[in-house]
Structure formats: structure tokens, C-alpha cells
Amino acid sequence: MVDLALIDGDLAIINGDLAVDDGIATAIVLSLFSDRRASPAELMAFARGSIVSDDPRGWPLETVAGETPRRFGSRIWLLTRDKQTDETRRAVIDAAAEALAWLKSERLVKAVAVDGVWRRPELLELTVTVTRTDGVTQSYFYSAGGKNV
């Protein structure tokens, strides 16, 4: 898997050519920041007494006819109304770990670990550490923000 390399959101150019990376960084971003389809019970919990949404969101390819749905993305969006507590921090870490588990099961990496810390109100910094198949460990940092998360 090869993707165009990005540095601070910009395409990287090395020796006049577009740089590429192995795609792990792209896979992490897509996994964390794509919304995983919510169950009806999760939508009810997300609504918390307000108008219930009938939009479960989710990755469009989960609904391909004739296929067993493969869950993709994270449930982090379901936590955006939660208060800034240690319980919410752990729930976001768990949601991120769930979203990234496929990297290991597909043998793209040997291991994935997620941690998080509240940096300021409404900003949770996630650290995703992967051990690549060649044994090299690399950490990536992301901010999860929203109303409260």
C-alpha cells in the first residue's frame, strides 16, 4: 500500500517528485475520522432525550448489497456530546482502538496502541503508536475535538 506523503497537510515533494509513504498514516486518519455506522440503540443514547436522529452515518461501502457489512471508521462521533471526564477519555481511546484493530488483523502492522490526554477544554489529544511489520515503532498524534470531545 503506497500513498502520497503529506507533511502538515501538504503534499511533500522530494527531488522534484511527489513523495510517497506506506499508507499507514492515511489508514489511521481514515479509520479514526470516518464515522462508523451506529446501531439504533447507539443513536438513542446519542440523542439523550433530544430529537432522535435517523441518520446512523457510516462508511458507504458497508451497505453494499449481497456483502456482509465490514465495519469501518470510529464511534468517536457518538461521544461528541459527552462531558470532559476520564470516562469519556477512556471511551474515545476504546473507540479509536476498535477503529484501528483492522490494521493488525490484516497484518499491516504488528501492534497498535492508543492513548489520550485532555490538552485543554474540548480538545483530546490521541497518540496512536504502531509497530510496523519490520519492527519499527512510530507514533502519530491527532486531536479529537467537538462540542466536548
N, C-alpha and C. Protein backbone atom coordinates (compact mmCIF):
# COMPACT_ATOMS: atom_id res chain seq x y z
N MET A 1 0.85 -1.16 0.00
CA MET A 1 0.00 0.00 0.00
C MET A 1 0.90 1.23 0.00
N VAL A 2 0.72 2.13 -0.97
CA VAL A 2 1.52 3.34 -1.07
C VAL A 2 0.58 4.51 -1.28
N ASP A 3 0.81 5.58 -0.54
CA ASP A 3 0.01 6.81 -0.66
C ASP A 3 0.94 7.99 -0.84
N LEU A 4 0.37 9.09 -1.34
CA LEU A 4 1.14 10.32 -1.40
C LEU A 4 1.45 10.77 0.01
N ALA A 5 2.67 11.20 0.24
CA ALA A 5 3.09 11.63 1.58
C ALA A 5 2.60 13.05 1.83
N LEU A 6 2.14 13.29 3.03
CA LEU A 6 1.70 14.61 3.44
C LEU A 6 2.56 15.09 4.60
N ILE A 7 2.91 16.35 4.58
CA ILE A 7 3.62 16.97 5.70
C ILE A 7 2.77 18.16 6.12
N ASP A 8 2.24 18.09 7.34
CA ASP A 8 1.35 19.12 7.86
C ASP A 8 0.20 19.41 6.91
N GLY A 9 -0.34 18.36 6.27
CA GLY A 9 -1.49 18.52 5.39
C GLY A 9 -1.14 18.88 3.97
N ASP A 10 0.13 19.12 3.66
CA ASP A 10 0.54 19.47 2.31
C ASP A 10 1.25 18.29 1.65
N LEU A 11 1.11 18.18 0.34
CA LEU A 11 1.84 17.15 -0.38
C LEU A 11 3.33 17.42 -0.27
N ALA A 12 4.10 16.38 -0.05
CA ALA A 12 5.55 16.52 0.07
C ALA A 12 6.20 16.27 -1.28
N ILE A 13 7.22 17.06 -1.58
CA ILE A 13 7.97 16.89 -2.82
C ILE A 13 9.43 16.65 -2.45
N ILE A 14 9.98 15.56 -3.00
CA ILE A 14 11.38 15.22 -2.77
C ILE A 14 12.05 15.06 -4.12
N ASN A 15 13.12 15.81 -4.34
CA ASN A 15 13.86 15.79 -5.61
C ASN A 15 12.95 15.99 -6.81
N GLY A 16 11.99 16.89 -6.69
CA GLY A 16 11.10 17.22 -7.79
C GLY A 16 9.95 16.26 -8.02
N ASP A 17 9.86 15.19 -7.24
CA ASP A 17 8.78 14.22 -7.38
C ASP A 17 7.90 14.24 -6.14
N LEU A 18 6.65 13.87 -6.33
CA LEU A 18 5.77 13.72 -5.18
C LEU A 18 6.27 12.57 -4.32
N ALA A 19 6.38 12.82 -3.03
CA ALA A 19 6.83 11.79 -2.11
C ALA A 19 5.68 10.85 -1.78
N VAL A 20 6.02 9.62 -1.47
CA VAL A 20 5.01 8.63 -1.08
C VAL A 20 5.39 8.06 0.28
N ASP A 21 4.38 7.51 0.96
CA ASP A 21 4.64 6.78 2.19
C ASP A 21 3.95 5.43 2.08
N ASP A 22 4.03 4.63 3.13
CA ASP A 22 3.49 3.27 3.05
C ASP A 22 1.98 3.20 3.27
N GLY A 23 1.33 4.32 3.51
CA GLY A 23 -0.12 4.35 3.63
C GLY A 23 -0.65 4.14 5.03
N ILE A 24 0.21 3.82 6.00
CA ILE A 24 -0.28 3.58 7.36
C ILE A 24 -0.88 4.86 7.93
N ALA A 25 -0.23 6.00 7.72
CA ALA A 25 -0.75 7.27 8.25
C ALA A 25 -2.13 7.56 7.66
N THR A 26 -2.30 7.32 6.38
CA THR A 26 -3.59 7.53 5.73
C THR A 26 -4.64 6.59 6.29
N ALA A 27 -4.27 5.33 6.47
CA ALA A 27 -5.21 4.35 7.03
C ALA A 27 -5.65 4.74 8.43
N ILE A 28 -4.74 5.27 9.22
CA ILE A 28 -5.08 5.70 10.58
C ILE A 28 -6.07 6.86 10.54
N VAL A 29 -5.79 7.87 9.72
CA VAL A 29 -6.68 9.04 9.64
C VAL A 29 -8.06 8.63 9.17
N LEU A 30 -8.14 7.82 8.12
CA LEU A 30 -9.45 7.38 7.63
C LEU A 30 -10.20 6.56 8.67
N SER A 31 -9.48 5.71 9.38
CA SER A 31 -10.11 4.87 10.40
C SER A 31 -10.64 5.69 11.57
N LEU A 32 -9.87 6.67 12.02
CA LEU A 32 -10.28 7.47 13.18
C LEU A 32 -11.36 8.49 12.86
N PHE A 33 -11.28 9.11 11.70
CA PHE A 33 -12.14 10.26 11.43
C PHE A 33 -13.23 10.02 10.40
N SER A 34 -13.45 8.75 10.04
CA SER A 34 -14.65 8.37 9.30
C SER A 34 -15.64 7.85 10.33
N ASP A 35 -16.89 8.21 10.18
CA ASP A 35 -17.90 7.80 11.15
C ASP A 35 -18.33 6.36 10.93
N ARG A 36 -18.23 5.57 11.97
CA ARG A 36 -18.71 4.19 11.93
C ARG A 36 -20.23 4.20 12.06
N ARG A 37 -20.90 3.32 11.33
CA ARG A 37 -22.37 3.24 11.39
C ARG A 37 -22.81 2.91 12.81
N ALA A 38 -23.81 3.65 13.27
CA ALA A 38 -24.34 3.46 14.62
C ALA A 38 -25.55 2.55 14.60
N SER A 39 -25.71 1.78 15.67
CA SER A 39 -26.89 0.94 15.83
C SER A 39 -28.04 1.82 16.31
N PRO A 40 -29.29 1.35 16.21
CA PRO A 40 -30.42 2.13 16.73
C PRO A 40 -30.25 2.48 18.21
N ALA A 41 -29.73 1.55 19.01
CA ALA A 41 -29.53 1.83 20.44
C ALA A 41 -28.48 2.93 20.64
N GLU A 42 -27.43 2.92 19.84
CA GLU A 42 -26.41 3.97 19.94
C GLU A 42 -26.97 5.32 19.55
N LEU A 43 -27.86 5.35 18.54
CA LEU A 43 -28.49 6.61 18.14
C LEU A 43 -29.38 7.17 19.25
N MET A 44 -30.09 6.29 19.93
CA MET A 44 -30.93 6.73 21.04
C MET A 44 -30.07 7.32 22.17
N ALA A 45 -28.98 6.66 22.50
CA ALA A 45 -28.09 7.15 23.54
C ALA A 45 -27.46 8.48 23.13
N PHE A 46 -27.13 8.63 21.85
CA PHE A 46 -26.53 9.86 21.34
C PHE A 46 -27.52 11.02 21.45
N ALA A 47 -28.80 10.74 21.20
CA ALA A 47 -29.83 11.79 21.24
C ALA A 47 -30.06 12.31 22.65
N ARG A 48 -29.96 11.47 23.66
CA ARG A 48 -30.12 11.85 25.06
C ARG A 48 -31.34 12.74 25.30
N GLY A 49 -32.47 12.28 24.81
CA GLY A 49 -33.72 12.99 25.08
C GLY A 49 -34.05 14.08 24.08
N SER A 50 -33.11 14.47 23.24
CA SER A 50 -33.44 15.46 22.22
C SER A 50 -34.01 14.74 21.00
N ILE A 51 -34.16 15.44 19.94
CA ILE A 51 -34.72 14.83 18.73
C ILE A 51 -33.81 13.68 18.29
N VAL A 52 -34.39 12.53 18.11
CA VAL A 52 -33.63 11.34 17.71
C VAL A 52 -33.30 11.44 16.23
N SER A 53 -32.05 11.27 15.93
CA SER A 53 -31.61 11.28 14.54
C SER A 53 -31.90 9.92 13.93
N ASP A 54 -32.27 9.91 12.67
CA ASP A 54 -32.43 8.64 11.97
C ASP A 54 -31.25 8.41 11.02
N ASP A 55 -30.21 9.20 11.19
CA ASP A 55 -29.02 9.07 10.36
C ASP A 55 -27.93 8.34 11.13
N PRO A 56 -27.72 7.06 10.83
CA PRO A 56 -26.70 6.29 11.55
C PRO A 56 -25.28 6.57 11.05
N ARG A 57 -25.19 7.46 10.05
CA ARG A 57 -23.91 7.77 9.42
C ARG A 57 -23.27 6.48 8.90
N GLY A 58 -21.96 6.43 8.86
CA GLY A 58 -21.30 5.19 8.45
C GLY A 58 -20.64 5.27 7.10
N TRP A 59 -19.72 4.36 6.90
CA TRP A 59 -18.97 4.23 5.65
C TRP A 59 -19.92 3.72 4.57
N PRO A 60 -20.03 4.39 3.42
CA PRO A 60 -20.99 3.98 2.39
C PRO A 60 -20.86 2.53 1.92
N LEU A 61 -19.67 2.01 1.87
CA LEU A 61 -19.48 0.65 1.36
C LEU A 61 -19.96 -0.42 2.33
N GLU A 62 -20.34 -0.03 3.56
CA GLU A 62 -20.90 -1.01 4.49
C GLU A 62 -22.26 -1.52 4.01
N THR A 63 -22.91 -0.80 3.13
CA THR A 63 -24.25 -1.15 2.72
C THR A 63 -24.31 -1.80 1.34
N VAL A 64 -23.18 -2.25 0.82
CA VAL A 64 -23.15 -2.90 -0.49
C VAL A 64 -24.00 -4.16 -0.43
N ALA A 65 -24.95 -4.27 -1.37
CA ALA A 65 -25.87 -5.42 -1.38
C ALA A 65 -25.11 -6.73 -1.57
N GLY A 66 -25.57 -7.74 -0.84
CA GLY A 66 -25.01 -9.07 -1.00
C GLY A 66 -23.71 -9.30 -0.24
N GLU A 67 -23.21 -8.30 0.41
CA GLU A 67 -21.97 -8.44 1.16
C GLU A 67 -22.25 -8.38 2.65
N THR A 68 -21.47 -9.10 3.42
CA THR A 68 -21.54 -8.98 4.87
C THR A 68 -20.88 -7.66 5.23
N PRO A 69 -21.59 -6.80 5.95
CA PRO A 69 -21.01 -5.48 6.24
C PRO A 69 -19.71 -5.60 7.03
N ARG A 70 -18.74 -4.88 6.57
CA ARG A 70 -17.47 -4.79 7.29
C ARG A 70 -17.45 -3.40 7.91
N ARG A 71 -17.43 -3.35 9.21
CA ARG A 71 -17.47 -2.07 9.91
C ARG A 71 -16.18 -1.31 9.67
N PHE A 72 -16.34 -0.03 9.38
CA PHE A 72 -15.18 0.83 9.14
C PHE A 72 -15.44 2.16 9.80
N GLY A 73 -14.38 2.80 10.25
CA GLY A 73 -14.49 4.10 10.89
C GLY A 73 -14.56 3.94 12.40
N SER A 74 -14.80 5.06 13.07
CA SER A 74 -14.82 5.02 14.53
C SER A 74 -16.14 5.53 15.08
N ARG A 75 -16.37 5.19 16.32
CA ARG A 75 -17.56 5.65 17.04
C ARG A 75 -17.28 6.94 17.81
N ILE A 76 -16.16 7.58 17.55
CA ILE A 76 -15.82 8.81 18.27
C ILE A 76 -16.92 9.85 18.13
N TRP A 77 -17.57 9.91 16.98
CA TRP A 77 -18.62 10.91 16.77
C TRP A 77 -19.77 10.74 17.75
N LEU A 78 -19.98 9.53 18.23
CA LEU A 78 -21.06 9.28 19.19
C LEU A 78 -20.73 9.82 20.59
N LEU A 79 -19.50 10.24 20.79
CA LEU A 79 -19.07 10.74 22.09
C LEU A 79 -18.95 12.26 22.14
N THR A 80 -19.32 12.93 21.06
CA THR A 80 -19.13 14.39 20.98
C THR A 80 -19.99 15.17 21.96
N ARG A 81 -21.04 14.56 22.50
CA ARG A 81 -21.89 15.25 23.48
C ARG A 81 -21.52 14.92 24.92
N ASP A 82 -20.56 14.04 25.09
CA ASP A 82 -20.17 13.62 26.43
C ASP A 82 -19.31 14.69 27.11
N LYS A 83 -19.38 14.73 28.43
CA LYS A 83 -18.60 15.69 29.19
C LYS A 83 -17.13 15.31 29.19
N GLN A 84 -16.30 16.28 29.48
CA GLN A 84 -14.86 16.09 29.51
C GLN A 84 -14.47 15.42 30.83
N THR A 85 -14.53 14.10 30.83
CA THR A 85 -14.21 13.32 32.03
C THR A 85 -13.20 12.24 31.66
N ASP A 86 -12.68 11.59 32.69
CA ASP A 86 -11.77 10.47 32.43
C ASP A 86 -12.52 9.32 31.76
N GLU A 87 -13.78 9.15 32.12
CA GLU A 87 -14.59 8.10 31.49
C GLU A 87 -14.74 8.35 29.99
N THR A 88 -14.97 9.60 29.61
CA THR A 88 -15.08 9.94 28.19
C THR A 88 -13.74 9.74 27.49
N ARG A 89 -12.66 10.13 28.13
CA ARG A 89 -11.32 9.93 27.56
C ARG A 89 -11.09 8.45 27.28
N ARG A 90 -11.43 7.59 28.23
CA ARG A 90 -11.26 6.14 28.03
C ARG A 90 -12.17 5.63 26.91
N ALA A 91 -13.39 6.16 26.84
CA ALA A 91 -14.32 5.73 25.79
C ALA A 91 -13.80 6.11 24.41
N VAL A 92 -13.21 7.29 24.28
CA VAL A 92 -12.63 7.71 23.00
C VAL A 92 -11.44 6.82 22.65
N ILE A 93 -10.60 6.53 23.62
CA ILE A 93 -9.46 5.64 23.39
C ILE A 93 -9.95 4.27 22.93
N ASP A 94 -10.98 3.75 23.59
CA ASP A 94 -11.54 2.45 23.19
C ASP A 94 -12.11 2.50 21.78
N ALA A 95 -12.82 3.58 21.45
CA ALA A 95 -13.40 3.72 20.11
C ALA A 95 -12.29 3.80 19.06
N ALA A 96 -11.22 4.51 19.38
CA ALA A 96 -10.09 4.61 18.44
C ALA A 96 -9.41 3.26 18.27
N ALA A 97 -9.20 2.54 19.37
CA ALA A 97 -8.57 1.23 19.28
C ALA A 97 -9.42 0.27 18.45
N GLU A 98 -10.74 0.32 18.65
CA GLU A 98 -11.64 -0.52 17.86
C GLU A 98 -11.53 -0.18 16.37
N ALA A 99 -11.46 1.10 16.05
CA ALA A 99 -11.39 1.54 14.65
C ALA A 99 -10.08 1.12 13.99
N LEU A 100 -9.03 0.99 14.78
CA LEU A 100 -7.71 0.67 14.23
C LEU A 100 -7.37 -0.81 14.27
N ALA A 101 -8.20 -1.61 14.90
CA ALA A 101 -7.90 -3.04 15.08
C ALA A 101 -7.67 -3.76 13.75
N TRP A 102 -8.33 -3.32 12.70
CA TRP A 102 -8.19 -3.98 11.41
C TRP A 102 -6.76 -3.92 10.87
N LEU A 103 -6.00 -2.90 11.26
CA LEU A 103 -4.61 -2.79 10.78
C LEU A 103 -3.79 -4.01 11.21
N LYS A 104 -4.06 -4.49 12.42
CA LYS A 104 -3.35 -5.67 12.92
C LYS A 104 -3.95 -6.95 12.33
N SER A 105 -5.27 -7.06 12.29
CA SER A 105 -5.88 -8.28 11.77
C SER A 105 -5.57 -8.49 10.29
N GLU A 106 -5.35 -7.41 9.56
CA GLU A 106 -4.97 -7.52 8.14
C GLU A 106 -3.45 -7.60 7.97
N ARG A 107 -2.74 -7.63 9.09
CA ARG A 107 -1.28 -7.76 9.11
C ARG A 107 -0.55 -6.61 8.43
N LEU A 108 -1.15 -5.42 8.51
CA LEU A 108 -0.45 -4.23 8.01
C LEU A 108 0.53 -3.72 9.05
N VAL A 109 0.25 -4.01 10.33
CA VAL A 109 1.14 -3.67 11.43
C VAL A 109 1.16 -4.85 12.39
N LYS A 110 2.20 -4.90 13.24
CA LYS A 110 2.29 -5.95 14.26
C LYS A 110 1.45 -5.60 15.48
N ALA A 111 1.40 -4.31 15.83
CA ALA A 111 0.68 -3.88 17.03
C ALA A 111 0.21 -2.45 16.87
N VAL A 112 -0.90 -2.14 17.56
CA VAL A 112 -1.45 -0.79 17.61
C VAL A 112 -1.81 -0.48 19.05
N ALA A 113 -1.40 0.68 19.54
CA ALA A 113 -1.76 1.12 20.89
C ALA A 113 -2.26 2.56 20.80
N VAL A 114 -3.28 2.88 21.62
CA VAL A 114 -3.85 4.21 21.62
C VAL A 114 -3.86 4.74 23.05
N ASP A 115 -3.52 6.01 23.19
CA ASP A 115 -3.62 6.69 24.47
C ASP A 115 -4.17 8.09 24.19
N GLY A 116 -4.63 8.75 25.23
CA GLY A 116 -5.17 10.08 25.04
C GLY A 116 -5.05 10.91 26.30
N VAL A 117 -4.97 12.22 26.11
CA VAL A 117 -4.89 13.15 27.23
C VAL A 117 -5.65 14.42 26.87
N TRP A 118 -6.39 14.96 27.84
CA TRP A 118 -7.07 16.23 27.63
C TRP A 118 -6.01 17.32 27.61
N ARG A 119 -5.91 18.06 26.52
CA ARG A 119 -4.92 19.14 26.40
C ARG A 119 -5.49 20.48 26.85
N ARG A 120 -6.76 20.68 26.60
CA ARG A 120 -7.47 21.88 27.03
C ARG A 120 -8.95 21.57 26.89
N PRO A 121 -9.82 22.45 27.36
CA PRO A 121 -11.25 22.16 27.23
C PRO A 121 -11.63 21.81 25.78
N GLU A 122 -12.37 20.73 25.67
CA GLU A 122 -12.88 20.24 24.39
C GLU A 122 -11.81 19.77 23.41
N LEU A 123 -10.60 19.49 23.88
CA LEU A 123 -9.56 19.01 22.99
C LEU A 123 -8.83 17.82 23.62
N LEU A 124 -9.05 16.66 23.04
CA LEU A 124 -8.40 15.43 23.48
C LEU A 124 -7.34 15.08 22.46
N GLU A 125 -6.10 14.96 22.92
CA GLU A 125 -5.02 14.57 22.01
C GLU A 125 -4.85 13.06 22.09
N LEU A 126 -4.96 12.41 20.93
CA LEU A 126 -4.76 10.96 20.84
C LEU A 126 -3.36 10.67 20.34
N THR A 127 -2.73 9.70 20.95
CA THR A 127 -1.44 9.19 20.47
C THR A 127 -1.67 7.77 20.00
N VAL A 128 -1.40 7.54 18.74
CA VAL A 128 -1.51 6.21 18.14
C VAL A 128 -0.10 5.72 17.87
N THR A 129 0.27 4.63 18.51
CA THR A 129 1.60 4.05 18.32
C THR A 129 1.44 2.72 17.61
N VAL A 130 2.11 2.60 16.48
CA VAL A 130 2.06 1.35 15.72
C VAL A 130 3.45 0.74 15.67
N THR A 131 3.47 -0.57 15.73
CA THR A 131 4.70 -1.31 15.47
C THR A 131 4.52 -1.90 14.08
N ARG A 132 5.33 -1.43 13.17
CA ARG A 132 5.22 -1.86 11.78
C ARG A 132 5.70 -3.31 11.62
N THR A 133 5.44 -3.88 10.49
CA THR A 133 5.80 -5.27 10.26
C THR A 133 7.31 -5.49 10.28
N ASP A 134 8.08 -4.42 10.05
CA ASP A 134 9.54 -4.54 10.12
C ASP A 134 10.07 -4.30 11.53
N GLY A 135 9.16 -4.13 12.51
CA GLY A 135 9.55 -3.95 13.90
C GLY A 135 9.75 -2.51 14.33
N VAL A 136 9.72 -1.57 13.39
CA VAL A 136 9.90 -0.16 13.72
C VAL A 136 8.62 0.37 14.36
N THR A 137 8.79 1.10 15.47
CA THR A 137 7.65 1.68 16.18
C THR A 137 7.56 3.17 15.81
N GLN A 138 6.35 3.61 15.52
CA GLN A 138 6.14 5.01 15.15
C GLN A 138 4.87 5.51 15.83
N SER A 139 4.93 6.76 16.30
CA SER A 139 3.76 7.37 16.95
C SER A 139 3.20 8.49 16.09
N TYR A 140 1.88 8.59 16.10
CA TYR A 140 1.15 9.63 15.38
C TYR A 140 0.26 10.35 16.39
N PHE A 141 0.08 11.64 16.21
CA PHE A 141 -0.68 12.44 17.16
C PHE A 141 -1.85 13.10 16.44
N TYR A 142 -3.03 13.00 17.06
CA TYR A 142 -4.25 13.55 16.47
C TYR A 142 -5.06 14.24 17.56
N SER A 143 -5.82 15.24 17.16
CA SER A 143 -6.71 15.92 18.10
C SER A 143 -8.13 15.50 17.81
N ALA A 144 -8.82 15.11 18.86
CA ALA A 144 -10.24 14.80 18.76
C ALA A 144 -10.95 15.95 19.46
N GLY A 145 -11.71 16.70 18.72
CA GLY A 145 -12.42 17.83 19.30
C GLY A 145 -13.84 17.85 18.82
N GLY A 146 -14.63 18.64 19.42
CA GLY A 146 -16.04 18.76 19.07
C GLY A 146 -16.71 19.56 20.14
N LYS A 147 -17.98 19.35 20.33
CA LYS A 147 -18.68 20.06 21.40
C LYS A 147 -17.96 19.85 22.72
N ASN A 148 -17.69 18.60 23.08
CA ASN A 148 -16.93 18.31 24.29
C ASN A 148 -15.75 17.40 24.01
N VAL A 149 -15.87 16.53 23.02
CA VAL A 149 -14.75 15.64 22.70
C VAL A 149 -13.97 16.22 21.56
